[in-house]
Protein backbone atom coordinates (compact mmCIF):
# COMPACT_ATOMS: atom_id res chain seq x y z
CA MET A 1 -3.08 -0.87 -8.97
CA GLU A 2 -2.16 2.51 -7.52
CA ILE A 3 0.56 4.76 -8.78
CA TRP A 4 2.06 7.35 -6.42
CA TYR A 5 4.45 10.19 -7.25
CA TYR A 6 7.22 11.48 -5.01
CA GLU A 7 9.87 14.21 -5.05
CA VAL A 8 13.28 13.50 -3.55
CA VAL A 9 13.55 16.22 -0.88
CA SER A 10 16.94 15.24 0.54
CA ILE A 11 19.52 12.48 0.42
CA ASP A 12 21.30 11.56 3.63
CA GLY A 13 23.81 8.75 3.25
CA ASP A 14 21.99 5.48 2.65
CA TYR A 15 18.52 7.05 2.91
CA ALA A 16 16.40 9.57 1.01
CA ASN A 17 13.45 11.64 2.20
CA LEU A 18 10.54 11.54 -0.24
CA LYS A 19 7.49 13.78 -0.36
CA ARG A 20 4.25 12.77 -2.11
CA THR A 21 3.36 15.13 -4.94
CA ASP A 22 0.13 13.57 -6.19
CA ILE A 23 -1.76 14.51 -2.99
CA GLU A 24 -1.58 17.32 -0.45
CA SER A 25 0.81 16.12 2.26
CA ASP A 26 3.64 17.58 4.27
CA ASP A 27 4.79 14.17 5.53
CA LEU A 28 8.17 12.82 4.43
CA LYS A 29 8.87 9.16 3.81
CA LEU A 30 12.30 7.83 4.68
CA VAL A 31 13.37 5.22 2.11
CA ALA A 32 16.61 3.23 1.86
CA ARG A 33 18.65 4.18 -1.20
CA ALA A 34 18.97 0.48 -2.08
CA LEU A 35 15.24 0.52 -2.98
CA LEU A 36 15.58 3.58 -5.23
CA PRO A 37 17.12 4.05 -8.69
CA ALA A 38 20.88 4.66 -8.42
CA GLU A 39 20.72 7.90 -10.42
CA ILE A 40 18.37 9.83 -8.09
CA TYR A 41 19.24 13.40 -7.04
CA GLU A 42 17.60 15.98 -4.82
CA GLY A 43 14.58 17.49 -6.60
CA CYS A 44 14.01 14.60 -9.00
CA THR A 45 10.57 12.98 -9.40
CA LEU A 46 9.90 9.29 -8.80
CA ARG A 47 6.94 7.07 -9.61
CA TYR A 48 6.03 4.26 -7.22
CA GLU A 49 4.26 1.41 -8.96
CA LEU A 50 4.02 -2.32 -8.20
CA MET A 51 6.26 -1.91 -5.12
CA GLN A 52 9.13 -0.34 -7.15
CA TYR A 53 10.40 3.19 -7.67
CA TYR A 54 11.12 4.56 -11.16
CA MET A 55 12.67 7.85 -12.33
CA GLU A 56 10.26 10.14 -14.15
């Protein structure tokens, strides 16, 4: 079981751009807001575990 950490870089309507923080990467991942916790905001940290995102 892997656990990945992301930072919410930007929120654009129904989507959010996430950046991995547990490894060196400049790539952004576009994720539908429906898959993310409702209370996210730009700059918050998320944990991805067992195919779900959680606020840190």
